[in-house]
């Protein structure tokens, strides 16, 4: 019998999540999997649990939580053959939206079972990961979605960890809290070296993206991106004021950033960022040190179970059926 570990964050999603998690485990058991359920106890615990599952020979790790829980699990599975399956139950769930997975809510907990069904009908893909490493001696970290330097990282630095009530409100709660932080925003002069080519200027945000969506999955940032092409989409948003920041935000929300001269996109594999002053960095919505830093693409670094709800062109290469996983 194939073995799986179901990792879940008990602080994510609706109350009494554990009962729904047990139903999801039963769903996989009915399909021939021996499933062990493990709850996270602290930040970083999902990485430890995923690594232990792979070391024990488990073929599948299901990660139920937000983008943070999924990212931790991915860090624990890099370099292994164990497949990672996302079950979105957090408040942001940008990756779940990328895959168009059903997401549970207070009145729709059954949607987590619908997500499990979509995963069971999906395919296994080799997915790229980003790797960000602050230059001055700090440990690096793999990530799924993006690294941001500038206004979004300042907000993460000031707002996380967020009160649970605001997290449950979702995007409106985030927006309200973010508005209170506007006076703390500051900007940078940066030199960004992408595959040996320098780009210098005043920027409100430098965003190194591995996916299509941004901003909790509400913004279509890079419509043509593939998750297995070995390339970042690096967005350089020029400006030096709060007004410039809101202009960029409006363009992003309307999908008009692609045609704006002040929003430059460059594809690349290796990125080095130097700023004045020193700026914070975020990866997938979590704090990730400060500049200067290096960012690299790690092609096909993790095996990911992609549901049948995902866009058919999200990956450039064909996947394999879950039945092939042993």
Protein backbone atom coordinates (compact mmCIF):
# COMPACT_ATOMS: atom_id res chain seq x y z
CA UNK A 1 0.00 0.00 0.00
CA UNK A 2 1.30 3.45 -0.92
CA UNK A 3 2.03 5.73 2.03
CA UNK A 4 1.16 9.40 2.44
CA UNK A 5 1.44 12.07 5.12
CA UNK A 6 -1.25 14.72 5.47
CA UNK A 7 0.23 17.82 7.12
CA UNK A 8 -2.19 20.52 8.25
CA UNK A 9 -1.97 23.85 10.00
CA UNK A 10 -4.66 23.85 12.73
CA UNK A 11 -4.55 27.67 12.86
CA UNK A 12 -5.42 28.05 9.17
CA UNK A 13 -8.86 28.13 7.62
CA UNK A 14 -12.23 27.60 9.32
CA UNK A 15 -12.66 26.44 12.90
CA UNK A 16 -12.83 22.69 13.62
CA UNK A 17 -10.65 22.00 10.60
CA UNK A 18 -9.47 18.69 12.06
CA UNK A 19 -12.82 17.01 11.34
CA UNK A 20 -12.61 17.96 7.66
CA UNK A 21 -8.97 16.85 7.55
CA UNK A 22 -10.04 13.40 8.76
CA UNK A 23 -12.56 13.21 5.91
CA UNK A 24 -9.84 14.13 3.41
CA UNK A 25 -7.60 11.41 4.85
CA UNK A 26 -10.45 8.90 4.47
CA UNK A 27 -10.86 9.99 0.84
CA UNK A 28 -7.23 9.02 0.11
CA UNK A 29 -7.46 5.84 2.19
CA UNK A 30 -10.40 4.73 0.06
CA UNK A 31 -8.09 5.05 -2.94
CA UNK A 32 -5.44 2.74 -1.61
CA UNK A 33 -3.24 5.08 0.43
CA UNK A 34 -2.12 4.58 4.02
CA UNK A 35 -2.40 8.12 5.41
CA UNK A 36 -0.76 9.52 8.54
CA UNK A 37 -2.11 12.87 9.80
CA UNK A 38 0.32 15.37 11.30
CA UNK A 39 -0.59 18.81 12.70
CA UNK A 40 1.97 21.61 12.69
CA UNK A 41 2.96 23.03 16.08
CA UNK A 42 5.18 25.99 15.23
CA UNK A 43 6.66 27.93 12.31
CA UNK A 44 8.97 25.67 10.32
CA UNK A 45 7.33 22.47 11.58
CA UNK A 46 5.76 21.64 8.20
CA UNK A 47 9.25 21.50 6.68
CA UNK A 48 10.39 19.06 9.35
CA UNK A 49 7.30 16.88 8.93
CA UNK A 50 7.63 16.79 5.14
CA UNK A 51 11.32 15.92 5.35
CA UNK A 52 10.56 13.12 7.82
CA UNK A 53 7.82 11.76 5.54
CA UNK A 54 10.20 11.61 2.59
CA UNK A 55 12.89 9.98 4.73
CA UNK A 56 10.34 7.34 5.78
CA UNK A 57 9.63 6.52 2.14
CA UNK A 58 6.23 8.17 1.86
CA UNK A 59 5.34 8.78 -1.78
CA UNK A 60 2.94 11.68 -1.16
CA UNK A 61 2.77 14.66 1.20
CA UNK A 62 -0.52 16.55 1.30
CA UNK A 63 -0.09 20.04 2.76
CA UNK A 64 -3.28 21.69 4.08
CA UNK A 65 -2.78 25.33 4.97
CA UNK A 66 -1.89 28.63 3.38
CA UNK A 67 1.00 29.50 1.10
CA UNK A 68 3.33 29.48 4.11
CA UNK A 69 2.55 25.88 5.06
CA UNK A 70 2.91 24.75 1.45
CA UNK A 71 6.22 26.58 1.08
CA UNK A 72 7.58 24.98 4.24
CA UNK A 73 6.59 21.54 2.97
CA UNK A 74 8.29 22.24 -0.36
CA UNK A 75 11.50 23.14 1.47
CA UNK A 76 11.36 19.76 3.18
CA UNK A 77 10.94 17.85 -0.09
CA UNK A 78 13.58 19.46 -2.33
CA UNK A 79 15.89 16.76 -3.66
CA UNK A 80 13.47 13.91 -2.93
CA UNK A 81 11.08 11.90 -5.10
CA UNK A 82 8.13 12.51 -2.77
CA UNK A 83 5.21 14.32 -4.43
CA UNK A 84 3.74 17.43 -2.81
CA UNK A 85 -0.02 18.03 -3.04
CA UNK A 86 -1.53 21.42 -2.06
CA UNK A 87 -4.79 21.63 -0.10
CA UNK A 88 -5.63 25.33 0.31
CA UNK A 89 -7.18 26.20 3.67
CA UNK A 90 -5.37 29.45 4.57
CA UNK A 91 -6.53 33.01 4.01
CA UNK A 92 -4.28 33.97 1.09
CA UNK A 93 -3.91 30.78 -0.91
CA UNK A 94 -2.33 32.42 -3.93
CA UNK A 95 -1.00 29.08 -5.14
CA UNK A 96 -4.41 27.46 -4.72
CA UNK A 97 -5.87 30.21 -6.90
CA UNK A 98 -3.07 29.65 -9.42
CA UNK A 99 -4.30 26.04 -9.67
CA UNK A 100 -8.01 27.04 -9.50
CA UNK A 101 -8.53 24.67 -6.60
CA UNK A 102 -11.76 24.82 -4.58
CA UNK A 103 -11.10 26.53 -1.24
CA UNK A 104 -13.07 25.86 1.96
CA UNK A 105 -14.77 28.61 3.91
CA UNK A 106 -16.91 28.97 7.00
CA UNK A 107 -20.00 27.72 5.15
CA UNK A 108 -18.25 25.54 2.57
CA UNK A 109 -15.88 23.18 4.36
CA UNK A 110 -16.82 20.41 1.93
CA UNK A 111 -14.79 22.21 -0.74
CA UNK A 112 -11.64 20.71 0.75
CA UNK A 113 -12.96 17.32 -0.36
CA UNK A 114 -13.61 18.77 -3.82
CA UNK A 115 -9.99 19.92 -3.86
CA UNK A 116 -8.89 16.39 -2.97
CA UNK A 117 -10.96 15.01 -5.84
CA UNK A 118 -9.36 17.48 -8.27
CA UNK A 119 -5.90 16.46 -7.08
CA UNK A 120 -6.67 12.75 -7.40
CA UNK A 121 -7.67 13.37 -11.03
CA UNK A 122 -4.58 15.47 -11.70
CA UNK A 123 -1.01 14.86 -12.79
CA UNK A 124 2.47 15.02 -11.30
CA UNK A 125 4.64 17.84 -12.64
CA UNK A 126 8.23 18.87 -12.00
CA UNK A 127 8.00 22.46 -10.75
CA UNK A 128 10.66 25.16 -10.58
CA UNK A 129 11.40 26.79 -7.23
CA UNK A 130 13.07 30.07 -6.42
CA UNK A 131 15.94 30.23 -3.95
CA UNK A 132 16.71 33.46 -2.10
CA UNK A 133 19.86 33.92 -0.06
CA UNK A 134 20.81 37.16 1.72
CA UNK A 135 24.46 37.81 0.95
CA UNK A 136 25.63 38.51 4.48
CA UNK A 137 25.77 35.05 6.01
CA UNK A 138 22.11 34.15 6.44
CA UNK A 139 20.66 30.83 5.33
CA UNK A 140 18.75 30.76 2.07
CA UNK A 141 15.25 29.46 1.46
CA UNK A 142 13.29 27.90 -1.39
CA UNK A 143 9.98 29.45 -2.39
CA UNK A 144 7.09 28.74 -4.74
CA UNK A 145 5.69 32.08 -5.86
CA UNK A 146 7.75 35.25 -5.54
CA UNK A 147 10.44 37.24 -3.81
CA UNK A 148 9.63 40.90 -3.28
CA UNK A 149 11.92 43.78 -2.29
CA UNK A 150 10.29 47.11 -1.53
CA UNK A 151 6.78 48.10 -0.52
CA UNK A 152 5.31 44.60 -0.25
CA UNK A 153 8.19 43.42 1.95
CA UNK A 154 7.81 46.51 4.15
CA UNK A 155 4.15 45.60 4.67
CA UNK A 156 5.09 42.01 5.54
CA UNK A 157 7.75 43.29 7.94
CA UNK A 158 5.28 45.59 9.70
CA UNK A 159 2.13 43.45 9.61
CA UNK A 160 3.16 39.83 10.14
CA UNK A 161 2.12 37.87 12.05
CA UNK A 162 -1.34 39.28 11.50
CA UNK A 163 -4.20 39.05 14.02
CA UNK A 164 -6.27 35.94 13.37
CA UNK A 165 -9.52 37.91 13.04
CA UNK A 166 -8.07 40.04 10.24
CA UNK A 167 -6.69 36.95 8.54
CA UNK A 168 -10.14 35.35 8.55
CA UNK A 169 -11.62 38.46 6.90
CA UNK A 170 -9.20 37.81 4.02
CA UNK A 171 -8.35 40.43 1.39
CA UNK A 172 -10.50 43.25 2.88
CA UNK A 173 -8.82 42.77 6.25
CA UNK A 174 -5.39 42.86 4.63
CA UNK A 175 -6.23 46.02 2.71
CA UNK A 176 -7.50 47.80 5.83
CA UNK A 177 -4.40 46.87 7.80
CA UNK A 178 -2.11 47.82 4.90
CA UNK A 179 -3.61 51.32 4.70
CA UNK A 180 -2.51 51.98 8.29
CA UNK A 181 1.08 51.24 7.23
CA UNK A 182 1.26 53.73 4.33
CA UNK A 183 3.15 56.34 6.42
CA UNK A 184 5.91 53.76 7.00
CA UNK A 185 6.56 53.12 3.31
CA UNK A 186 9.93 54.17 1.96
CA UNK A 187 11.65 53.66 -1.35
CA UNK A 188 15.01 52.70 -2.82
CA UNK A 189 17.64 53.23 -5.42
CA UNK A 190 18.68 49.79 -6.62
CA UNK A 191 20.98 48.01 -8.98
CA UNK A 192 19.47 44.72 -10.13
CA UNK A 193 21.80 42.37 -11.99
CA UNK A 194 19.89 39.81 -14.07
CA UNK A 195 22.04 37.18 -15.78
CA UNK A 196 24.94 39.64 -15.84
CA UNK A 197 22.97 42.67 -17.12
CA UNK A 198 22.58 45.66 -14.76
CA UNK A 199 19.35 47.63 -14.32
CA UNK A 200 19.60 50.70 -12.07
CA UNK A 201 16.97 53.17 -10.94
CA UNK A 202 14.53 54.30 -8.28
CA UNK A 203 11.98 51.58 -7.54
CA UNK A 204 8.94 51.12 -5.33
CA UNK A 205 9.06 47.34 -5.85
CA UNK A 206 11.35 44.71 -7.31
CA UNK A 207 9.35 41.52 -7.78
CA UNK A 208 10.96 38.24 -8.83
CA UNK A 209 8.15 35.91 -9.83
CA UNK A 210 7.90 32.19 -10.49
CA UNK A 211 4.16 32.17 -11.25
CA UNK A 212 1.31 34.04 -12.93
CA UNK A 213 -0.64 35.54 -10.03
CA UNK A 214 0.29 38.02 -7.31
CA UNK A 215 -1.31 39.81 -4.37
CA UNK A 216 -3.05 36.85 -2.77
CA UNK A 217 -3.94 35.55 -6.22
CA UNK A 218 -5.99 38.66 -7.08
CA UNK A 219 -3.57 40.13 -9.67
CA UNK A 220 -2.68 38.50 -12.99
CA UNK A 221 0.97 39.54 -13.02
CA UNK A 222 2.66 37.37 -15.67
CA UNK A 223 0.00 35.87 -17.99
CA UNK A 224 2.45 33.83 -20.08
CA UNK A 225 4.56 32.37 -17.26
CA UNK A 226 5.14 28.62 -17.01
CA UNK A 227 6.03 26.92 -13.74
CA UNK A 228 8.65 24.65 -15.33
CA UNK A 229 10.49 26.84 -17.86
CA UNK A 230 13.56 27.55 -15.71
CA UNK A 231 12.98 31.32 -15.85
CA UNK A 232 11.88 34.10 -13.53
CA UNK A 233 9.78 37.06 -14.58
CA UNK A 234 11.52 39.98 -12.87
CA UNK A 235 9.32 43.07 -12.55
CA UNK A 236 10.99 46.43 -11.89
CA UNK A 237 8.36 48.97 -10.83
CA UNK A 238 9.90 52.43 -11.08
CA UNK A 239 9.11 55.30 -8.73
CA UNK A 240 9.98 57.02 -5.49
CA UNK A 241 6.70 58.01 -3.83
CA UNK A 242 3.44 56.78 -2.35
CA UNK A 243 1.66 58.22 -5.41
CA UNK A 244 3.84 56.11 -7.72
CA UNK A 245 3.02 53.08 -5.58
CA UNK A 246 -0.74 53.58 -5.90
CA UNK A 247 -0.46 54.20 -9.66
CA UNK A 248 1.34 50.86 -10.05
CA UNK A 249 -1.24 49.14 -7.84
CA UNK A 250 -4.10 50.51 -9.95
CA UNK A 251 -2.40 49.35 -13.15
CA UNK A 252 -1.76 45.90 -11.69
CA UNK A 253 -5.37 45.50 -10.60
CA UNK A 254 -6.59 46.51 -14.08
CA UNK A 255 -4.02 44.34 -15.88
CA UNK A 256 -2.49 47.42 -17.52
CA UNK A 257 1.01 47.11 -16.04
CA UNK A 258 2.29 45.06 -18.99
CA UNK A 259 2.05 48.06 -21.34
CA UNK A 260 3.52 50.65 -18.95
CA UNK A 261 7.07 51.94 -19.43
CA UNK A 262 7.43 52.37 -15.66
CA UNK A 263 6.88 48.61 -15.18
CA UNK A 264 9.74 46.74 -16.81
CA UNK A 265 9.76 42.94 -17.14
CA UNK A 266 12.97 40.97 -17.64
CA UNK A 267 13.29 37.18 -17.81
CA UNK A 268 16.26 35.60 -16.11
CA UNK A 269 17.75 32.82 -13.99
CA UNK A 270 20.17 34.59 -11.65
CA UNK A 271 19.34 37.87 -9.90
CA UNK A 272 21.49 39.98 -7.57
CA UNK A 273 19.89 42.96 -5.81
CA UNK A 274 21.71 45.85 -4.12
CA UNK A 275 19.76 48.78 -2.66
CA UNK A 276 20.22 52.09 -0.91
CA UNK A 277 18.98 52.13 1.77
CA UNK A 278 18.94 48.49 2.89
CA UNK A 279 15.46 47.07 2.21
CA UNK A 280 13.49 44.13 3.60
CA UNK A 281 12.67 41.10 1.47
CA UNK A 282 9.68 38.74 1.51
CA UNK A 283 9.23 35.30 0.00
CA UNK A 284 5.67 34.02 -0.46
CA UNK A 285 4.46 36.55 2.11
CA UNK A 286 6.98 35.70 4.84
CA UNK A 287 9.96 37.70 6.05
CA UNK A 288 13.18 36.72 4.25
CA UNK A 289 15.96 39.01 5.43
CA UNK A 290 17.32 42.18 3.85
CA UNK A 291 19.33 43.33 0.86
CA UNK A 292 21.82 42.73 -0.61
CA UNK A 293 20.63 39.31 -1.74
CA UNK A 294 20.93 36.69 -4.45
CA UNK A 295 18.01 34.91 -6.07
CA UNK A 296 18.31 31.84 -8.29
CA UNK A 297 15.88 29.61 -10.14
CA UNK A 298 16.13 25.93 -9.30
CA UNK A 299 14.60 24.16 -12.30
CA UNK A 300 12.23 21.25 -11.65
CA UNK A 301 13.18 21.19 -7.97
CA UNK A 302 10.02 19.62 -6.53
CA UNK A 303 7.43 17.12 -7.74
CA UNK A 304 4.01 18.72 -7.43
CA UNK A 305 0.57 17.13 -7.82
CA UNK A 306 -1.35 19.51 -10.08
CA UNK A 307 -5.17 19.23 -10.06
CA UNK A 308 -7.29 18.86 -13.16
CA UNK A 309 -8.70 22.33 -12.43
CA UNK A 310 -5.38 24.05 -13.29
CA UNK A 311 -4.91 25.92 -16.59
CA UNK A 312 -3.81 23.44 -19.25
CA UNK A 313 -0.86 25.63 -20.27
CA UNK A 314 0.52 26.31 -16.77
CA UNK A 315 3.36 23.86 -17.44
CA UNK A 316 5.29 23.58 -20.68
CA UNK A 317 5.99 19.84 -20.33
CA UNK A 318 3.48 17.00 -19.92
CA UNK A 319 2.96 15.47 -16.51
CA UNK A 320 2.53 11.90 -15.35
CA UNK A 321 -0.54 10.32 -13.74
CA UNK A 322 -0.67 9.92 -9.97
CA UNK A 323 -1.05 6.17 -10.48
CA UNK A 324 2.61 6.07 -11.52
CA UNK A 325 3.72 7.25 -8.06
CA UNK A 326 4.98 4.47 -5.81
